[in-house]
N, C-alpha and C. Protein backbone atom coordinates (compact mmCIF):
# COMPACT_ATOMS: atom_id res chain seq x y z
N UNK A 1 -93.15 63.32 28.17
CA UNK A 1 -92.81 64.11 27.01
C UNK A 1 -92.69 63.20 25.80
N UNK A 2 -93.22 63.60 24.69
CA UNK A 2 -93.25 62.80 23.46
C UNK A 2 -91.86 62.79 22.81
N UNK A 3 -91.39 61.59 22.42
CA UNK A 3 -90.07 61.44 21.80
C UNK A 3 -90.08 61.77 20.31
N UNK A 4 -91.25 61.89 19.72
CA UNK A 4 -91.36 62.15 18.29
C UNK A 4 -91.26 63.66 18.04
N UNK A 5 -90.41 64.03 17.11
CA UNK A 5 -90.27 65.44 16.77
C UNK A 5 -91.59 65.97 16.22
N UNK A 6 -91.92 67.22 16.50
CA UNK A 6 -93.19 67.78 16.04
C UNK A 6 -93.36 67.73 14.52
N UNK A 7 -92.27 67.76 13.78
CA UNK A 7 -92.37 67.76 12.32
C UNK A 7 -92.43 66.35 11.74
N UNK A 8 -92.26 65.33 12.57
CA UNK A 8 -92.30 63.95 12.09
C UNK A 8 -93.73 63.57 11.73
N UNK A 9 -93.85 62.75 10.68
CA UNK A 9 -95.18 62.34 10.23
C UNK A 9 -95.23 60.82 10.14
N UNK A 10 -96.32 60.26 10.54
CA UNK A 10 -96.52 58.82 10.40
C UNK A 10 -97.09 58.56 9.01
N UNK A 11 -96.22 58.16 8.08
CA UNK A 11 -96.61 57.96 6.68
C UNK A 11 -97.63 56.84 6.51
N UNK A 12 -97.73 55.96 7.49
CA UNK A 12 -98.72 54.88 7.39
C UNK A 12 -100.14 55.38 7.56
N UNK A 13 -100.28 56.63 8.05
CA UNK A 13 -101.61 57.19 8.27
C UNK A 13 -102.14 57.98 7.08
N UNK A 14 -101.36 58.05 6.00
CA UNK A 14 -101.84 58.75 4.81
C UNK A 14 -103.08 58.06 4.27
N UNK A 15 -104.02 58.82 3.75
CA UNK A 15 -105.22 58.20 3.14
C UNK A 15 -104.81 57.31 1.96
N UNK A 16 -105.57 56.27 1.74
CA UNK A 16 -105.27 55.30 0.70
C UNK A 16 -105.16 55.95 -0.68
N UNK A 17 -106.03 56.91 -0.99
CA UNK A 17 -105.96 57.55 -2.30
C UNK A 17 -104.66 58.34 -2.46
N UNK A 18 -104.18 58.95 -1.39
CA UNK A 18 -102.90 59.67 -1.46
C UNK A 18 -101.74 58.69 -1.65
N UNK A 19 -101.77 57.59 -0.93
CA UNK A 19 -100.73 56.56 -1.10
C UNK A 19 -100.72 56.02 -2.51
N UNK A 20 -101.90 55.79 -3.07
CA UNK A 20 -101.95 55.24 -4.43
C UNK A 20 -101.34 56.23 -5.43
N UNK A 21 -101.57 57.52 -5.23
CA UNK A 21 -100.96 58.53 -6.12
C UNK A 21 -99.44 58.54 -5.99
N UNK A 22 -98.96 58.38 -4.78
CA UNK A 22 -97.51 58.30 -4.56
C UNK A 22 -96.95 57.07 -5.24
N UNK A 23 -97.63 55.94 -5.09
CA UNK A 23 -97.14 54.69 -5.67
C UNK A 23 -97.14 54.73 -7.20
N UNK A 24 -98.11 55.40 -7.79
CA UNK A 24 -98.13 55.54 -9.25
C UNK A 24 -96.86 56.26 -9.70
N UNK A 25 -96.47 57.28 -8.98
CA UNK A 25 -95.25 58.03 -9.32
C UNK A 25 -93.99 57.25 -8.99
N UNK A 26 -94.05 56.41 -7.98
CA UNK A 26 -92.90 55.63 -7.56
C UNK A 26 -92.52 54.62 -8.64
N UNK A 27 -93.50 53.92 -9.16
CA UNK A 27 -93.25 52.98 -10.24
C UNK A 27 -93.27 51.52 -9.81
N UNK A 28 -93.51 50.67 -10.79
CA UNK A 28 -93.71 49.24 -10.56
C UNK A 28 -92.51 48.57 -9.92
N UNK A 29 -91.32 48.83 -10.42
CA UNK A 29 -90.14 48.14 -9.91
C UNK A 29 -89.92 48.45 -8.43
N UNK A 30 -89.99 49.72 -8.06
CA UNK A 30 -89.78 50.08 -6.66
C UNK A 30 -90.85 49.49 -5.75
N UNK A 31 -92.07 49.44 -6.22
CA UNK A 31 -93.14 48.85 -5.41
C UNK A 31 -92.90 47.36 -5.24
N UNK A 32 -92.56 46.69 -6.33
CA UNK A 32 -92.33 45.25 -6.28
C UNK A 32 -91.06 44.89 -5.52
N UNK A 33 -90.12 45.81 -5.43
CA UNK A 33 -88.87 45.56 -4.71
C UNK A 33 -89.03 45.78 -3.20
N UNK A 34 -90.21 46.21 -2.75
CA UNK A 34 -90.43 46.26 -1.32
C UNK A 34 -91.13 47.47 -0.75
N UNK A 35 -91.41 48.49 -1.53
CA UNK A 35 -92.08 49.67 -0.97
C UNK A 35 -93.43 49.31 -0.36
N UNK A 36 -94.08 48.31 -0.92
CA UNK A 36 -95.38 47.90 -0.41
C UNK A 36 -95.29 47.11 0.89
N UNK A 37 -94.08 46.81 1.35
CA UNK A 37 -93.91 46.01 2.56
C UNK A 37 -93.61 46.85 3.79
N UNK A 38 -93.66 48.16 3.66
CA UNK A 38 -93.33 49.05 4.78
C UNK A 38 -94.30 48.86 5.94
N UNK A 39 -95.58 48.81 5.64
CA UNK A 39 -96.60 48.63 6.68
C UNK A 39 -97.87 48.14 5.99
N UNK A 40 -98.89 47.85 6.78
CA UNK A 40 -100.12 47.29 6.23
C UNK A 40 -100.80 48.23 5.23
N UNK A 41 -100.89 49.51 5.57
CA UNK A 41 -101.58 50.44 4.66
C UNK A 41 -100.82 50.58 3.33
N UNK A 42 -99.50 50.50 3.37
CA UNK A 42 -98.71 50.56 2.14
C UNK A 42 -98.91 49.29 1.32
N UNK A 43 -99.06 48.16 1.97
CA UNK A 43 -99.32 46.91 1.27
C UNK A 43 -100.67 46.97 0.57
N UNK A 44 -101.67 47.51 1.25
CA UNK A 44 -103.00 47.67 0.65
C UNK A 44 -102.91 48.56 -0.58
N UNK A 45 -102.22 49.69 -0.46
CA UNK A 45 -102.07 50.63 -1.58
C UNK A 45 -101.30 49.98 -2.73
N UNK A 46 -100.30 49.17 -2.42
CA UNK A 46 -99.49 48.52 -3.45
C UNK A 46 -100.27 47.47 -4.24
N UNK A 47 -101.41 47.06 -3.73
CA UNK A 47 -102.22 46.06 -4.41
C UNK A 47 -103.42 46.66 -5.14
N UNK A 48 -103.59 47.97 -5.09
CA UNK A 48 -104.71 48.60 -5.78
C UNK A 48 -104.51 48.52 -7.29
N UNK A 49 -105.47 48.02 -8.04
CA UNK A 49 -105.31 47.89 -9.50
C UNK A 49 -104.99 49.20 -10.20
N UNK A 50 -105.51 50.32 -9.70
CA UNK A 50 -105.24 51.59 -10.38
C UNK A 50 -103.77 52.00 -10.31
N UNK A 51 -103.03 51.46 -9.37
CA UNK A 51 -101.59 51.73 -9.29
C UNK A 51 -100.86 51.06 -10.45
N UNK A 52 -101.45 50.05 -11.03
CA UNK A 52 -100.80 49.21 -12.04
C UNK A 52 -101.33 49.44 -13.45
N UNK A 53 -101.99 50.54 -13.71
CA UNK A 53 -102.49 50.82 -15.07
C UNK A 53 -101.37 51.08 -16.06
N UNK A 54 -100.30 51.67 -15.58
CA UNK A 54 -99.14 51.94 -16.43
C UNK A 54 -97.91 51.35 -15.75
N UNK A 55 -97.27 50.40 -16.40
CA UNK A 55 -96.10 49.73 -15.84
C UNK A 55 -94.91 50.00 -16.74
N UNK A 56 -93.92 50.70 -16.19
CA UNK A 56 -92.70 51.02 -16.95
C UNK A 56 -91.52 50.34 -16.28
N UNK A 57 -91.03 49.30 -16.92
CA UNK A 57 -89.88 48.56 -16.42
C UNK A 57 -88.70 48.70 -17.39
N UNK A 58 -88.75 49.71 -18.21
CA UNK A 58 -87.77 49.87 -19.27
C UNK A 58 -86.48 50.55 -18.82
N UNK A 59 -86.58 51.60 -18.04
CA UNK A 59 -85.41 52.41 -17.76
C UNK A 59 -84.97 52.39 -16.30
N UNK A 60 -85.57 51.57 -15.49
CA UNK A 60 -85.20 51.52 -14.07
C UNK A 60 -83.84 50.85 -13.93
N UNK A 61 -83.03 51.34 -12.99
CA UNK A 61 -81.68 50.81 -12.81
C UNK A 61 -81.66 49.33 -12.43
N UNK A 62 -82.70 48.85 -11.77
CA UNK A 62 -82.77 47.44 -11.40
C UNK A 62 -82.79 46.57 -12.65
N UNK A 63 -83.37 47.08 -13.72
CA UNK A 63 -83.45 46.32 -14.97
C UNK A 63 -82.06 45.93 -15.45
N UNK A 64 -81.08 46.73 -15.17
CA UNK A 64 -79.72 46.44 -15.60
C UNK A 64 -79.04 45.39 -14.72
N UNK A 65 -79.50 45.24 -13.47
CA UNK A 65 -78.83 44.35 -12.51
C UNK A 65 -79.52 43.00 -12.34
N UNK A 66 -80.79 42.94 -12.53
CA UNK A 66 -81.54 41.70 -12.31
C UNK A 66 -81.49 40.82 -13.55
N UNK A 67 -81.63 39.55 -13.33
CA UNK A 67 -81.70 38.63 -14.45
C UNK A 67 -83.03 38.73 -15.16
N UNK A 68 -83.03 38.34 -16.42
CA UNK A 68 -84.25 38.42 -17.23
C UNK A 68 -85.41 37.65 -16.62
N UNK A 69 -85.14 36.47 -16.07
CA UNK A 69 -86.21 35.66 -15.50
C UNK A 69 -86.86 36.38 -14.31
N UNK A 70 -86.07 37.05 -13.48
CA UNK A 70 -86.60 37.80 -12.34
C UNK A 70 -87.47 38.94 -12.84
N UNK A 71 -87.00 39.64 -13.85
CA UNK A 71 -87.76 40.76 -14.40
C UNK A 71 -89.07 40.30 -15.02
N UNK A 72 -89.06 39.16 -15.69
CA UNK A 72 -90.32 38.64 -16.25
C UNK A 72 -91.30 38.29 -15.14
N UNK A 73 -90.81 37.72 -14.04
CA UNK A 73 -91.69 37.41 -12.90
C UNK A 73 -92.25 38.70 -12.29
N UNK A 74 -91.42 39.73 -12.19
CA UNK A 74 -91.89 41.01 -11.67
C UNK A 74 -92.95 41.59 -12.61
N UNK A 75 -92.73 41.48 -13.90
CA UNK A 75 -93.69 41.99 -14.88
C UNK A 75 -95.02 41.25 -14.75
N UNK A 76 -94.97 39.94 -14.59
CA UNK A 76 -96.20 39.16 -14.43
C UNK A 76 -96.94 39.55 -13.15
N UNK A 77 -96.18 39.80 -12.08
CA UNK A 77 -96.81 40.23 -10.83
C UNK A 77 -97.50 41.58 -11.02
N UNK A 78 -96.86 42.48 -11.76
CA UNK A 78 -97.48 43.79 -12.03
C UNK A 78 -98.76 43.62 -12.85
N UNK A 79 -98.72 42.76 -13.85
CA UNK A 79 -99.89 42.50 -14.69
C UNK A 79 -101.01 41.91 -13.83
N UNK A 80 -100.68 40.97 -12.97
CA UNK A 80 -101.69 40.36 -12.10
C UNK A 80 -102.32 41.40 -11.18
N UNK A 81 -101.50 42.28 -10.63
CA UNK A 81 -102.02 43.30 -9.72
C UNK A 81 -102.91 44.31 -10.45
N UNK A 82 -102.73 44.46 -11.75
CA UNK A 82 -103.55 45.42 -12.50
C UNK A 82 -105.00 44.96 -12.61
N UNK A 83 -105.24 43.67 -12.39
CA UNK A 83 -106.58 43.11 -12.41
C UNK A 83 -107.36 43.52 -13.67
N UNK A 84 -106.66 43.43 -14.81
CA UNK A 84 -107.30 43.74 -16.09
C UNK A 84 -107.32 45.22 -16.44
N UNK A 85 -106.75 46.08 -15.61
CA UNK A 85 -106.76 47.51 -15.86
C UNK A 85 -105.47 48.03 -16.51
N UNK A 86 -104.52 47.16 -16.83
CA UNK A 86 -103.27 47.57 -17.45
C UNK A 86 -103.54 48.24 -18.80
N UNK A 87 -103.01 49.42 -18.97
CA UNK A 87 -103.19 50.17 -20.22
C UNK A 87 -101.87 50.36 -20.97
N UNK A 88 -100.76 50.39 -20.23
CA UNK A 88 -99.44 50.60 -20.83
C UNK A 88 -98.44 49.68 -20.17
N UNK A 89 -97.55 49.12 -20.97
CA UNK A 89 -96.44 48.34 -20.44
C UNK A 89 -95.19 48.69 -21.23
N UNK A 90 -94.12 49.03 -20.53
CA UNK A 90 -92.85 49.34 -21.18
C UNK A 90 -91.78 48.42 -20.63
N UNK A 91 -91.10 47.75 -21.51
CA UNK A 91 -89.99 46.87 -21.16
C UNK A 91 -89.20 46.61 -22.42
N UNK A 92 -87.98 46.15 -22.26
CA UNK A 92 -87.18 45.98 -23.45
C UNK A 92 -86.53 44.61 -23.51
N UNK A 93 -85.30 44.50 -23.08
CA UNK A 93 -84.48 43.32 -23.32
C UNK A 93 -85.03 42.04 -22.69
N UNK A 94 -85.71 42.12 -21.57
CA UNK A 94 -86.19 40.92 -20.89
C UNK A 94 -87.55 40.44 -21.41
N UNK A 95 -88.21 41.21 -22.24
CA UNK A 95 -89.55 40.88 -22.73
C UNK A 95 -89.46 39.78 -23.79
N UNK A 96 -90.27 38.75 -23.60
CA UNK A 96 -90.32 37.62 -24.54
C UNK A 96 -91.72 37.55 -25.15
N UNK A 97 -91.85 36.73 -26.16
CA UNK A 97 -93.18 36.50 -26.75
C UNK A 97 -94.13 35.95 -25.71
N UNK A 98 -93.63 35.08 -24.84
CA UNK A 98 -94.46 34.47 -23.80
C UNK A 98 -94.98 35.55 -22.84
N UNK A 99 -94.13 36.52 -22.48
CA UNK A 99 -94.57 37.60 -21.60
C UNK A 99 -95.60 38.48 -22.30
N UNK A 100 -95.38 38.78 -23.55
CA UNK A 100 -96.36 39.59 -24.31
C UNK A 100 -97.70 38.87 -24.36
N UNK A 101 -97.67 37.57 -24.59
CA UNK A 101 -98.90 36.78 -24.61
C UNK A 101 -99.60 36.84 -23.24
N UNK A 102 -98.82 36.73 -22.17
CA UNK A 102 -99.37 36.81 -20.81
C UNK A 102 -100.07 38.16 -20.59
N UNK A 103 -99.43 39.22 -21.03
CA UNK A 103 -100.00 40.57 -20.88
C UNK A 103 -101.30 40.69 -21.67
N UNK A 104 -101.27 40.26 -22.91
CA UNK A 104 -102.45 40.37 -23.78
C UNK A 104 -103.61 39.53 -23.22
N UNK A 105 -103.32 38.33 -22.78
CA UNK A 105 -104.36 37.45 -22.27
C UNK A 105 -104.94 37.92 -20.94
N UNK A 106 -104.22 38.80 -20.24
CA UNK A 106 -104.73 39.30 -18.95
C UNK A 106 -105.74 40.41 -19.14
N UNK A 107 -105.80 40.97 -20.34
CA UNK A 107 -106.69 42.09 -20.61
C UNK A 107 -108.07 41.56 -20.97
N UNK A 108 -109.12 42.06 -20.30
CA UNK A 108 -110.47 41.60 -20.63
C UNK A 108 -110.86 42.02 -22.06
N UNK A 109 -111.56 41.14 -22.73
CA UNK A 109 -111.94 41.42 -24.13
C UNK A 109 -113.26 42.10 -24.20
């Protein structure tokens, strides 16, 4: 007899395009804080450039608890994962001129 309840679903079996849509709604901070580490398929989805077209690190609760240097590293990781497809970036107190330069230079001309 199967121990898994009939209503249980193996989320790792979701198609990659569905996972990427979920991750877009989840947001950069949650993905970078570990959502992409759940399983292999989630890691693959977390690295898709289309997930990183819009990065909003402005209003997430982690922004209030993490140090500025950690947030800048997270922002750079998000920019790197966008693979030149970043279209929007939102951040406030932790953003420096150096981070803005990093974002601008990552965009293909």
